[in-house]
């Protein structure tokens, strides 16, 4: 419900969309999560949020069975790697260059 309302609004805050994407992932609303991360990536071009959003686009595409799109997203993330990591301790993830390189070798799977 929150996603449907937000999707119809013009919210130019990348952090809003990123957080919504994480909440939707946690709720297993994978298509909506992907859309929220795509909106984040549209708004955020550099920095750790931009990097992580592209990684999450890859994750969501892997979960949705679209490996070619996932690979593109992971490669896009590496192009803007800020050299810092984003931690998601609730899922035991440290999203950094090493994480992305692992995802290029093996698809992301929900734990």
PDB file of N, CA and C in Angstrom:
ATOM      1  N   UNK A   1       0.821  -1.198   0.000  1.00  0.00           N
ATOM      2  CA  UNK A   1       0.000   0.000   0.000  1.00  0.00           C
ATOM      3  C   UNK A   1       0.861   1.255   0.000  1.00  0.00           C
ATOM      4  N   UNK A   2       1.899   1.283   0.831  1.00  0.00           N
ATOM      5  CA  UNK A   2       2.778   2.446   0.877  1.00  0.00           C
ATOM      6  C   UNK A   2       3.453   2.643  -0.468  1.00  0.00           C
ATOM      7  N   UNK A   3       3.920   1.537  -1.083  1.00  0.00           N
ATOM      8  CA  UNK A   3       4.586   1.658  -2.373  1.00  0.00           C
ATOM      9  C   UNK A   3       3.635   2.231  -3.410  1.00  0.00           C
ATOM     10  N   UNK A   4       2.417   1.742  -3.461  1.00  0.00           N
ATOM     11  CA  UNK A   4       1.458   2.233  -4.459  1.00  0.00           C
ATOM     12  C   UNK A   4       1.212   3.720  -4.301  1.00  0.00           C
ATOM     13  N   UNK A   5       1.107   4.180  -3.070  1.00  0.00           N
ATOM     14  CA  UNK A   5       0.912   5.608  -2.838  1.00  0.00           C
ATOM     15  C   UNK A   5       2.149   6.399  -3.242  1.00  0.00           C
ATOM     16  N   UNK A   6       3.313   5.926  -2.842  1.00  0.00           N
ATOM     17  CA  UNK A   6       4.559   6.632  -3.148  1.00  0.00           C
ATOM     18  C   UNK A   6       4.831   6.654  -4.648  1.00  0.00           C
ATOM     19  N   UNK A   7       4.525   5.559  -5.332  1.00  0.00           N
ATOM     20  CA  UNK A   7       4.796   5.472  -6.764  1.00  0.00           C
ATOM     21  C   UNK A   7       4.028   6.529  -7.542  1.00  0.00           C
ATOM     22  N   UNK A   8       2.891   6.952  -7.029  1.00  0.00           N
ATOM     23  CA  UNK A   8       2.091   7.971  -7.699  1.00  0.00           C
ATOM     24  C   UNK A   8       2.484   9.392  -7.332  1.00  0.00           C
ATOM     25  N   UNK A   9       3.493   9.530  -6.493  1.00  0.00           N
ATOM     26  CA  UNK A   9       3.922  10.860  -6.050  1.00  0.00           C
ATOM     27  C   UNK A   9       5.307  11.170  -6.611  1.00  0.00           C
ATOM     28  N   UNK A  10       5.611  12.431  -6.679  1.00  0.00           N
ATOM     29  CA  UNK A  10       6.944  12.862  -7.106  1.00  0.00           C
ATOM     30  C   UNK A  10       7.765  13.127  -5.851  1.00  0.00           C
ATOM     31  N   UNK A  11       8.511  12.115  -5.415  1.00  0.00           N
ATOM     32  CA  UNK A  11       9.337  12.222  -4.204  1.00  0.00           C
ATOM     33  C   UNK A  11      10.790  12.201  -4.654  1.00  0.00           C
ATOM     34  N   UNK A  12      11.473  13.354  -4.610  1.00  0.00           N
ATOM     35  CA  UNK A  12      12.836  13.428  -5.128  1.00  0.00           C
ATOM     36  C   UNK A  12      13.919  13.071  -4.102  1.00  0.00           C
ATOM     37  N   UNK A  13      13.596  12.268  -3.109  1.00  0.00           N
ATOM     38  CA  UNK A  13      14.544  11.909  -2.055  1.00  0.00           C
ATOM     39  C   UNK A  13      15.027  10.471  -2.257  1.00  0.00           C
ATOM     40  N   UNK A  14      16.278  10.338  -2.702  1.00  0.00           N
ATOM     41  CA  UNK A  14      16.826   9.010  -2.974  1.00  0.00           C
ATOM     42  C   UNK A  14      16.797   8.121  -1.740  1.00  0.00           C
ATOM     43  N   UNK A  15      17.102   8.676  -0.573  1.00  0.00           N
ATOM     44  CA  UNK A  15      17.115   7.867   0.656  1.00  0.00           C
ATOM     45  C   UNK A  15      15.726   7.301   0.965  1.00  0.00           C
ATOM     46  N   UNK A  16      14.676   8.040   0.660  1.00  0.00           N
ATOM     47  CA  UNK A  16      13.311   7.538   0.850  1.00  0.00           C
ATOM     48  C   UNK A  16      13.116   6.274   0.013  1.00  0.00           C
ATOM     49  N   UNK A  17      13.452   6.363  -1.272  1.00  0.00           N
ATOM     50  CA  UNK A  17      13.245   5.231  -2.172  1.00  0.00           C
ATOM     51  C   UNK A  17      14.126   4.047  -1.794  1.00  0.00           C
ATOM     52  N   UNK A  18      15.356   4.339  -1.348  1.00  0.00           N
ATOM     53  CA  UNK A  18      16.260   3.266  -0.947  1.00  0.00           C
ATOM     54  C   UNK A  18      15.691   2.515   0.262  1.00  0.00           C
ATOM     55  N   UNK A  19      15.277   3.252   1.264  1.00  0.00           N
ATOM     56  CA  UNK A  19      14.712   2.638   2.471  1.00  0.00           C
ATOM     57  C   UNK A  19      13.443   1.846   2.123  1.00  0.00           C
ATOM     58  N   UNK A  20      12.615   2.418   1.260  1.00  0.00           N
ATOM     59  CA  UNK A  20      11.402   1.714   0.836  1.00  0.00           C
ATOM     60  C   UNK A  20      11.776   0.416   0.114  1.00  0.00           C
ATOM     61  N   UNK A  21      12.805   0.465  -0.725  1.00  0.00           N
ATOM     62  CA  UNK A  21      13.254  -0.745  -1.409  1.00  0.00           C
ATOM     63  C   UNK A  21      13.667  -1.832  -0.434  1.00  0.00           C
ATOM     64  N   UNK A  22      14.384  -1.438   0.628  1.00  0.00           N
ATOM     65  CA  UNK A  22      14.793  -2.418   1.642  1.00  0.00           C
ATOM     66  C   UNK A  22      13.588  -2.998   2.373  1.00  0.00           C
ATOM     67  N   UNK A  23      12.647  -2.152   2.726  1.00  0.00           N
ATOM     68  CA  UNK A  23      11.439  -2.629   3.412  1.00  0.00           C
ATOM     69  C   UNK A  23      10.646  -3.582   2.522  1.00  0.00           C
ATOM     70  N   UNK A  24      10.556  -3.260   1.243  1.00  0.00           N
ATOM     71  CA  UNK A  24       9.834  -4.120   0.305  1.00  0.00           C
ATOM     72  C   UNK A  24      10.572  -5.450   0.107  1.00  0.00           C
ATOM     73  N   UNK A  25      11.902  -5.412   0.050  1.00  0.00           N
ATOM     74  CA  UNK A  25      12.685  -6.649  -0.033  1.00  0.00           C
ATOM     75  C   UNK A  25      12.384  -7.523   1.183  1.00  0.00           C
ATOM     76  N   UNK A  26      12.403  -6.908   2.348  1.00  0.00           N
ATOM     77  CA  UNK A  26      12.154  -7.648   3.580  1.00  0.00           C
ATOM     78  C   UNK A  26      10.750  -8.246   3.595  1.00  0.00           C
ATOM     79  N   UNK A  27       9.825  -7.607   2.899  1.00  0.00           N
ATOM     80  CA  UNK A  27       8.441  -8.095   2.807  1.00  0.00           C
ATOM     81  C   UNK A  27       8.232  -9.034   1.624  1.00  0.00           C
ATOM     82  N   UNK A  28       9.304  -9.302   0.882  1.00  0.00           N
ATOM     83  CA  UNK A  28       9.264 -10.176  -0.298  1.00  0.00           C
ATOM     84  C   UNK A  28       8.398  -9.628  -1.434  1.00  0.00           C
ATOM     85  N   UNK A  29       8.297  -8.324  -1.499  1.00  0.00           N
ATOM     86  CA  UNK A  29       7.614  -7.661  -2.611  1.00  0.00           C
ATOM     87  C   UNK A  29       8.701  -7.284  -3.626  1.00  0.00           C
ATOM     88  N   UNK A  30       9.192  -8.299  -4.336  1.00  0.00           N
ATOM     89  CA  UNK A  30      10.403  -8.145  -5.139  1.00  0.00           C
ATOM     90  C   UNK A  30      10.255  -7.175  -6.307  1.00  0.00           C
ATOM     91  N   UNK A  31       9.162  -7.210  -7.018  1.00  0.00           N
ATOM     92  CA  UNK A  31       8.986  -6.295  -8.162  1.00  0.00           C
ATOM     93  C   UNK A  31       8.911  -4.839  -7.691  1.00  0.00           C
ATOM     94  N   UNK A  32       8.195  -4.614  -6.615  1.00  0.00           N
ATOM     95  CA  UNK A  32       8.079  -3.263  -6.078  1.00  0.00           C
ATOM     96  C   UNK A  32       9.418  -2.793  -5.507  1.00  0.00           C
ATOM     97  N   UNK A  33      10.148  -3.710  -4.871  1.00  0.00           N
ATOM     98  CA  UNK A  33      11.476  -3.383  -4.355  1.00  0.00           C
ATOM     99  C   UNK A  33      12.398  -2.974  -5.496  1.00  0.00           C
ATOM    100  N   UNK A  34      12.392  -3.735  -6.574  1.00  0.00           N
ATOM    101  CA  UNK A  34      13.195  -3.404  -7.746  1.00  0.00           C
ATOM    102  C   UNK A  34      12.859  -1.999  -8.238  1.00  0.00           C
ATOM    103  N   UNK A  35      11.589  -1.688  -8.341  1.00  0.00           N
ATOM    104  CA  UNK A  35      11.179  -0.363  -8.820  1.00  0.00           C
ATOM    105  C   UNK A  35      11.674   0.744  -7.884  1.00  0.00           C
ATOM    106  N   UNK A  36      11.642   0.511  -6.583  1.00  0.00           N
ATOM    107  CA  UNK A  36      12.114   1.509  -5.622  1.00  0.00           C
ATOM    108  C   UNK A  36      13.624   1.712  -5.763  1.00  0.00           C
ATOM    109  N   UNK A  37      14.373   0.639  -5.951  1.00  0.00           N
ATOM    110  CA  UNK A  37      15.818   0.784  -6.142  1.00  0.00           C
ATOM    111  C   UNK A  37      16.137   1.448  -7.478  1.00  0.00           C
ATOM    112  N   UNK A  38      15.336   1.180  -8.495  1.00  0.00           N
ATOM    113  CA  UNK A  38      15.534   1.858  -9.777  1.00  0.00           C
ATOM    114  C   UNK A  38      15.297   3.362  -9.629  1.00  0.00           C
ATOM    115  N   UNK A  39      14.290   3.731  -8.866  1.00  0.00           N
ATOM    116  CA  UNK A  39      14.030   5.154  -8.608  1.00  0.00           C
ATOM    117  C   UNK A  39      15.205   5.770  -7.846  1.00  0.00           C
ATOM    118  N   UNK A  40      15.748   5.036  -6.882  1.00  0.00           N
ATOM    119  CA  UNK A  40      16.929   5.511  -6.157  1.00  0.00           C
ATOM    120  C   UNK A  40      18.065   5.788  -7.126  1.00  0.00           C
ATOM    121  N   UNK A  41      18.316   4.845  -8.025  1.00  0.00           N
ATOM    122  CA  UNK A  41      19.415   4.982  -8.984  1.00  0.00           C
ATOM    123  C   UNK A  41      19.200   6.151  -9.943  1.00  0.00           C
ATOM    124  N   UNK A  42      17.952   6.435 -10.276  1.00  0.00           N
ATOM    125  CA  UNK A  42      17.659   7.600 -11.125  1.00  0.00           C
ATOM    126  C   UNK A  42      18.034   8.898 -10.414  1.00  0.00           C
ATOM    127  N   UNK A  43      17.818   8.925  -9.119  1.00  0.00           N
ATOM    128  CA  UNK A  43      18.033  10.145  -8.343  1.00  0.00           C
ATOM    129  C   UNK A  43      19.465  10.295  -7.837  1.00  0.00           C
ATOM    130  N   UNK A  44      20.134   9.192  -7.611  1.00  0.00           N
ATOM    131  CA  UNK A  44      21.460   9.210  -6.980  1.00  0.00           C
ATOM    132  C   UNK A  44      22.481   8.649  -7.970  1.00  0.00           C
ATOM    133  N   UNK A  45      23.425   9.475  -8.383  1.00  0.00           N
ATOM    134  CA  UNK A  45      24.383   9.070  -9.419  1.00  0.00           C
ATOM    135  C   UNK A  45      25.755   8.699  -8.875  1.00  0.00           C
ATOM    136  N   UNK A  46      26.119   9.192  -7.683  1.00  0.00           N
ATOM    137  CA  UNK A  46      27.426   8.904  -7.099  1.00  0.00           C
ATOM    138  C   UNK A  46      27.265   8.616  -5.611  1.00  0.00           C
ATOM    139  N   UNK A  47      28.323   8.060  -5.032  1.00  0.00           N
ATOM    140  CA  UNK A  47      28.323   7.797  -3.599  1.00  0.00           C
ATOM    141  C   UNK A  47      27.832   6.405  -3.256  1.00  0.00           C
ATOM    142  N   UNK A  48      27.875   6.112  -1.964  1.00  0.00           N
ATOM    143  CA  UNK A  48      27.568   4.759  -1.503  1.00  0.00           C
ATOM    144  C   UNK A  48      26.104   4.384  -1.729  1.00  0.00           C
ATOM    145  N   UNK A  49      25.184   5.334  -1.631  1.00  0.00           N
ATOM    146  CA  UNK A  49      23.774   5.009  -1.880  1.00  0.00           C
ATOM    147  C   UNK A  49      23.549   4.671  -3.347  1.00  0.00           C
ATOM    148  N   UNK A  50      24.169   5.412  -4.236  1.00  0.00           N
ATOM    149  CA  UNK A  50      24.060   5.124  -5.675  1.00  0.00           C
ATOM    150  C   UNK A  50      24.628   3.744  -5.983  1.00  0.00           C
ATOM    151  N   UNK A  51      25.788   3.462  -5.407  1.00  0.00           N
ATOM    152  CA  UNK A  51      26.445   2.167  -5.584  1.00  0.00           C
ATOM    153  C   UNK A  51      25.554   1.033  -5.074  1.00  0.00           C
ATOM    154  N   UNK A  52      25.096   1.156  -3.840  1.00  0.00           N
ATOM    155  CA  UNK A  52      24.279   0.096  -3.230  1.00  0.00           C
ATOM    156  C   UNK A  52      22.945  -0.075  -3.954  1.00  0.00           C
ATOM    157  N   UNK A  53      22.361   1.009  -4.434  1.00  0.00           N
ATOM    158  CA  UNK A  53      21.095   0.898  -5.166  1.00  0.00           C
ATOM    159  C   UNK A  53      21.272   0.026  -6.399  1.00  0.00           C
ATOM    160  N   UNK A  54      22.373   0.216  -7.107  1.00  0.00           N
ATOM    161  CA  UNK A  54      22.619  -0.593  -8.299  1.00  0.00           C
ATOM    162  C   UNK A  54      22.880  -2.056  -7.933  1.00  0.00           C
ATOM    163  N   UNK A  55      23.554  -2.279  -6.820  1.00  0.00           N
ATOM    164  CA  UNK A  55      23.753  -3.655  -6.353  1.00  0.00           C
ATOM    165  C   UNK A  55      22.396  -4.287  -6.036  1.00  0.00           C
ATOM    166  N   UNK A  56      21.534  -3.538  -5.355  1.00  0.00           N
ATOM    167  CA  UNK A  56      20.208  -4.060  -5.028  1.00  0.00           C
ATOM    168  C   UNK A  56      19.365  -4.286  -6.281  1.00  0.00           C
ATOM    169  N   UNK A  57      19.544  -3.471  -7.295  1.00  0.00           N
ATOM    170  CA  UNK A  57      18.867  -3.733  -8.569  1.00  0.00           C
ATOM    171  C   UNK A  57      19.321  -5.097  -9.093  1.00  0.00           C
ATOM    172  N   UNK A  58      20.606  -5.371  -8.968  1.00  0.00           N
ATOM    173  CA  UNK A  58      21.111  -6.686  -9.348  1.00  0.00           C
ATOM    174  C   UNK A  58      20.506  -7.798  -8.509  1.00  0.00           C
ATOM    175  N   UNK A  59      20.473  -7.589  -7.195  1.00  0.00           N
ATOM    176  CA  UNK A  59      19.880  -8.601  -6.301  1.00  0.00           C
ATOM    177  C   UNK A  59      18.445  -8.913  -6.708  1.00  0.00           C
ATOM    178  N   UNK A  60      17.662  -7.858  -6.903  1.00  0.00           N
ATOM    179  CA  UNK A  60      16.244  -8.071  -7.180  1.00  0.00           C
ATOM    180  C   UNK A  60      16.056  -8.760  -8.536  1.00  0.00           C
ATOM    181  N   UNK A  61      16.868  -8.374  -9.520  1.00  0.00           N
ATOM    182  CA  UNK A  61      16.780  -9.058 -10.811  1.00  0.00           C
ATOM    183  C   UNK A  61      17.182 -10.521 -10.689  1.00  0.00           C
ATOM    184  N   UNK A  62      18.203 -10.818  -9.876  1.00  0.00           N
ATOM    185  CA  UNK A  62      18.546 -12.226  -9.638  1.00  0.00           C
ATOM    186  C   UNK A  62      17.364 -12.973  -9.026  1.00  0.00           C
ATOM    187  N   UNK A  63      16.734 -12.374  -8.027  1.00  0.00           N
ATOM    188  CA  UNK A  63      15.600 -13.034  -7.375  1.00  0.00           C
ATOM    189  C   UNK A  63      14.423 -13.225  -8.324  1.00  0.00           C
ATOM    190  N   UNK A  64      14.276 -12.304  -9.265  1.00  0.00           N
ATOM    191  CA  UNK A  64      13.172 -12.384 -10.231  1.00  0.00           C
ATOM    192  C   UNK A  64      13.520 -13.247 -11.441  1.00  0.00           C
ATOM    193  N   UNK A  65      14.726 -13.839 -11.433  1.00  0.00           N
ATOM    194  CA  UNK A  65      15.119 -14.738 -12.509  1.00  0.00           C
ATOM    195  C   UNK A  65      15.645 -14.046 -13.759  1.00  0.00           C
ATOM    196  N   UNK A  66      16.036 -12.785 -13.628  1.00  0.00           N
ATOM    197  CA  UNK A  66      16.545 -12.036 -14.775  1.00  0.00           C
ATOM    198  C   UNK A  66      18.051 -11.819 -14.611  1.00  0.00           C
ATOM    199  N   UNK A  67      18.814 -12.891 -14.765  1.00  0.00           N
ATOM    200  CA  UNK A  67      20.262 -12.832 -14.560  1.00  0.00           C
ATOM    201  C   UNK A  67      20.966 -11.832 -15.483  1.00  0.00           C
ATOM    202  N   UNK A  68      20.607 -11.740 -16.772  1.00  0.00           N
ATOM    203  CA  UNK A  68      21.297 -10.754 -17.619  1.00  0.00           C
ATOM    204  C   UNK A  68      21.154  -9.313 -17.088  1.00  0.00           C
ATOM    205  N   UNK A  69      19.972  -8.940 -16.632  1.00  0.00           N
ATOM    206  CA  UNK A  69      19.783  -7.593 -16.072  1.00  0.00           C
ATOM    207  C   UNK A  69      20.546  -7.442 -14.762  1.00  0.00           C
ATOM    208  N   UNK A  70      20.619  -8.511 -13.986  1.00  0.00           N
ATOM    209  CA  UNK A  70      21.379  -8.474 -12.732  1.00  0.00           C
ATOM    210  C   UNK A  70      22.851  -8.205 -13.020  1.00  0.00           C
ATOM    211  N   UNK A  71      23.402  -8.889 -14.004  1.00  0.00           N
ATOM    212  CA  UNK A  71      24.812  -8.707 -14.339  1.00  0.00           C
ATOM    213  C   UNK A  71      25.100  -7.276 -14.783  1.00  0.00           C
ATOM    214  N   UNK A  72      24.204  -6.703 -15.563  1.00  0.00           N
ATOM    215  CA  UNK A  72      24.367  -5.305 -15.989  1.00  0.00           C
ATOM    216  C   UNK A  72      24.374  -4.388 -14.772  1.00  0.00           C
ATOM    217  N   UNK A  73      23.458  -4.620 -13.847  1.00  0.00           N
ATOM    218  CA  UNK A  73      23.381  -3.777 -12.649  1.00  0.00           C
ATOM    219  C   UNK A  73      24.649  -3.888 -11.807  1.00  0.00           C
ATOM    220  N   UNK A  74      25.162  -5.099 -11.629  1.00  0.00           N
ATOM    221  CA  UNK A  74      26.396  -5.275 -10.855  1.00  0.00           C
ATOM    222  C   UNK A  74      27.570  -4.575 -11.545  1.00  0.00           C
ATOM    223  N   UNK A  75      27.644  -4.678 -12.858  1.00  0.00           N
ATOM    224  CA  UNK A  75      28.717  -4.008 -13.591  1.00  0.00           C
ATOM    225  C   UNK A  75      28.578  -2.488 -13.482  1.00  0.00           C
ATOM    226  N   UNK A  76      27.345  -1.984 -13.546  1.00  0.00           N
ATOM    227  CA  UNK A  76      27.105  -0.542 -13.372  1.00  0.00           C
ATOM    228  C   UNK A  76      27.542  -0.098 -11.984  1.00  0.00           C
ATOM    229  N   UNK A  77      27.287  -0.920 -10.986  1.00  0.00           N
ATOM    230  CA  UNK A  77      27.686  -0.576  -9.619  1.00  0.00           C
ATOM    231  C   UNK A  77      29.206  -0.460  -9.523  1.00  0.00           C
ATOM    232  N   UNK A  78      29.912  -1.403 -10.113  1.00  0.00           N
ATOM    233  CA  UNK A  78      31.375  -1.364 -10.038  1.00  0.00           C
ATOM    234  C   UNK A  78      31.947  -0.114 -10.702  1.00  0.00           C
ATOM    235  N   UNK A  79      31.270   0.396 -11.722  1.00  0.00           N
ATOM    236  CA  UNK A  79      31.741   1.608 -12.408  1.00  0.00           C
ATOM    237  C   UNK A  79      31.720   2.830 -11.495  1.00  0.00           C
ATOM    238  N   UNK A  80      30.861   2.813 -10.481  1.00  0.00           N
ATOM    239  CA  UNK A  80      30.765   3.972  -9.582  1.00  0.00           C
ATOM    240  C   UNK A  80      31.137   3.614  -8.141  1.00  0.00           C
ATOM    241  N   UNK A  81      31.857   2.517  -7.981  1.00  0.00           N
ATOM    242  CA  UNK A  81      32.269   2.067  -6.639  1.00  0.00           C
ATOM    243  C   UNK A  81      32.941   3.217  -5.890  1.00  0.00           C
ATOM    244  N   UNK A  82      32.364   3.628  -4.752  1.00  0.00           N
ATOM    245  CA  UNK A  82      32.945   4.741  -4.001  1.00  0.00           C
ATOM    246  C   UNK A  82      34.101   4.324  -3.086  1.00  0.00           C
ATOM    247  N   UNK A  83      34.377   3.018  -3.025  1.00  0.00           N
ATOM    248  CA  UNK A  83      35.456   2.542  -2.166  1.00  0.00           C
ATOM    249  C   UNK A  83      35.043   2.380  -0.710  1.00  0.00           C
ATOM    250  N   UNK A  84      33.771   2.553  -0.427  1.00  0.00           N
ATOM    251  CA  UNK A  84      33.248   2.331   0.919  1.00  0.00           C
ATOM    252  C   UNK A  84      32.149   1.283   0.836  1.00  0.00           C
ATOM    253  N   UNK A  85      31.766   0.777   1.986  1.00  0.00           N
ATOM    254  CA  UNK A  85      30.769  -0.290   2.038  1.00  0.00           C
ATOM    255  C   UNK A  85      29.479   0.198   2.671  1.00  0.00           C
ATOM    256  N   UNK A  86      28.409  -0.494   2.348  1.00  0.00           N
ATOM    257  CA  UNK A  86      27.137  -0.303   3.037  1.00  0.00           C
ATOM    258  C   UNK A  86      26.840  -1.600   3.763  1.00  0.00           C
ATOM    259  N   UNK A  87      26.592  -1.491   5.048  1.00  0.00           N
ATOM    260  CA  UNK A  87      26.319  -2.661   5.879  1.00  0.00           C
ATOM    261  C   UNK A  87      24.813  -2.864   6.017  1.00  0.00           C
ATOM    262  N   UNK A  88      24.414  -4.107   5.928  1.00  0.00           N
ATOM    263  CA  UNK A  88      23.032  -4.523   6.214  1.00  0.00           C
ATOM    264  C   UNK A  88      23.152  -5.683   7.201  1.00  0.00           C
ATOM    265  N   UNK A  89      23.383  -5.363   8.458  1.00  0.00           N
ATOM    266  CA  UNK A  89      23.650  -6.394   9.459  1.00  0.00           C
ATOM    267  C   UNK A  89      22.475  -7.347   9.647  1.00  0.00           C
ATOM    268  N   UNK A  90      21.254  -6.876   9.426  1.00  0.00           N
ATOM    269  CA  UNK A  90      20.090  -7.746   9.602  1.00  0.00           C
ATOM    270  C   UNK A  90      20.115  -8.926   8.638  1.00  0.00           C
ATOM    271  N   UNK A  91      20.825  -8.780   7.506  1.00  0.00           N
ATOM    272  CA  UNK A  91      20.939  -9.867   6.531  1.00  0.00           C
ATOM    273  C   UNK A  91      22.385 -10.351   6.404  1.00  0.00           C
ATOM    274  N   UNK A  92      23.251  -9.879   7.289  1.00  0.00           N
ATOM    275  CA  UNK A  92      24.676 -10.238   7.267  1.00  0.00           C
ATOM    276  C   UNK A  92      25.327  -9.920   5.925  1.00  0.00           C
ATOM    277  N   UNK A  93      25.058  -8.705   5.422  1.00  0.00           N
ATOM    278  CA  UNK A  93      25.618  -8.268   4.144  1.00  0.00           C
ATOM    279  C   UNK A  93      26.533  -7.068   4.358  1.00  0.00           C
ATOM    280  N   UNK A  94      27.649  -7.103   3.682  1.00  0.00           N
ATOM    281  CA  UNK A  94      28.510  -5.937   3.550  1.00  0.00           C
ATOM    282  C   UNK A  94      28.652  -5.709   2.052  1.00  0.00           C
ATOM    283  N   UNK A  95      27.956  -4.711   1.564  1.00  0.00           N
ATOM    284  CA  UNK A  95      27.958  -4.447   0.124  1.00  0.00           C
ATOM    285  C   UNK A  95      29.150  -3.556  -0.197  1.00  0.00           C
ATOM    286  N   UNK A  96      30.134  -4.170  -0.834  1.00  0.00           N
ATOM    287  CA  UNK A  96      31.345  -3.483  -1.269  1.00  0.00           C
ATOM    288  C   UNK A  96      31.803  -4.147  -2.563  1.00  0.00           C
ATOM    289  N   UNK A  97      32.962  -3.757  -3.055  1.00  0.00           N
ATOM    290  CA  UNK A  97      33.467  -4.303  -4.316  1.00  0.00           C
ATOM    291  C   UNK A  97      33.559  -5.837  -4.263  1.00  0.00           C
ATOM    292  N   UNK A  98      34.056  -6.392  -3.171  1.00  0.00           N
ATOM    293  CA  UNK A  98      34.169  -7.852  -3.059  1.00  0.00           C
ATOM    294  C   UNK A  98      32.799  -8.519  -3.164  1.00  0.00           C
ATOM    295  N   UNK A  99      31.800  -7.925  -2.508  1.00  0.00           N
ATOM    296  CA  UNK A  99      30.437  -8.477  -2.554  1.00  0.00           C
ATOM    297  C   UNK A  99      29.934  -8.509  -3.994  1.00  0.00           C
ATOM    298  N   UNK A 100      30.151  -7.411  -4.716  1.00  0.00           N
ATOM    299  CA  UNK A 100      29.667  -7.328  -6.095  1.00  0.00           C
ATOM    300  C   UNK A 100      30.397  -8.343  -6.976  1.00  0.00           C
ATOM    301  N   UNK A 101      31.682  -8.484  -6.780  1.00  0.00           N
ATOM    302  CA  UNK A 101      32.425  -9.463  -7.571  1.00  0.00           C
ATOM    303  C   UNK A 101      31.931 -10.887  -7.307  1.00  0.00           C
ATOM    304  N   UNK A 102      31.526 -11.171  -6.065  1.00  0.00           N
ATOM    305  CA  UNK A 102      30.923 -12.482  -5.763  1.00  0.00           C
ATOM    306  C   UNK A 102      29.590 -12.637  -6.491  1.00  0.00           C
ATOM    307  N   UNK A 103      28.828 -11.549  -6.580  1.00  0.00           N
ATOM    308  CA  UNK A 103      27.536 -11.610  -7.263  1.00  0.00           C
ATOM    309  C   UNK A 103      27.701 -11.758  -8.765  1.00  0.00           C
ATOM    310  N   UNK A 104      28.795 -11.268  -9.317  1.00  0.00           N
ATOM    311  CA  UNK A 104      29.062 -11.496 -10.740  1.00  0.00           C
ATOM    312  C   UNK A 104      29.332 -12.971 -11.005  1.00  0.00           C
ATOM    313  N   UNK A 105      29.945 -13.633 -10.037  1.00  0.00           N
ATOM    314  CA  UNK A 105      30.260 -15.050 -10.175  1.00  0.00           C
ATOM    315  C   UNK A 105      29.086 -15.958  -9.849  1.00  0.00           C
ATOM    316  N   UNK A 106      28.252 -15.550  -8.905  1.00  0.00           N
ATOM    317  CA  UNK A 106      27.128 -16.379  -8.468  1.00  0.00           C
ATOM    318  C   UNK A 106      25.931 -15.485  -8.154  1.00  0.00           C
ATOM    319  N   UNK A 107      24.760 -15.850  -8.615  1.00  0.00           N
ATOM    320  CA  UNK A 107      23.568 -15.023  -8.396  1.00  0.00           C
ATOM    321  C   UNK A 107      23.270 -14.827  -6.901  1.00  0.00           C
ATOM    322  N   UNK A 108      22.640 -13.728  -6.615  1.00  0.00           N
ATOM    323  CA  UNK A 108      22.173 -13.436  -5.251  1.00  0.00           C
ATOM    324  C   UNK A 108      21.019 -14.360  -4.931  1.00  0.00           C
ATOM    325  N   UNK A 109      21.012 -14.878  -3.707  1.00  0.00           N
ATOM    326  CA  UNK A 109      19.899 -15.713  -3.229  1.00  0.00           C
ATOM    327  C   UNK A 109      19.486 -15.196  -1.847  1.00  0.00           C
ATOM    328  N   UNK A 110      18.198 -15.102  -1.645  1.00  0.00           N
ATOM    329  CA  UNK A 110      17.670 -14.662  -0.344  1.00  0.00           C
ATOM    330  C   UNK A 110      18.015 -15.716   0.692  1.00  0.00           C
ATOM    331  N   UNK A 111      18.476 -15.261   1.855  1.00  0.00           N
ATOM    332  CA  UNK A 111      18.848 -16.195   2.916  1.00  0.00           C
ATOM    333  C   UNK A 111      17.734 -16.358   3.924  1.00  0.00           C
TER     334      UNK A 111
END
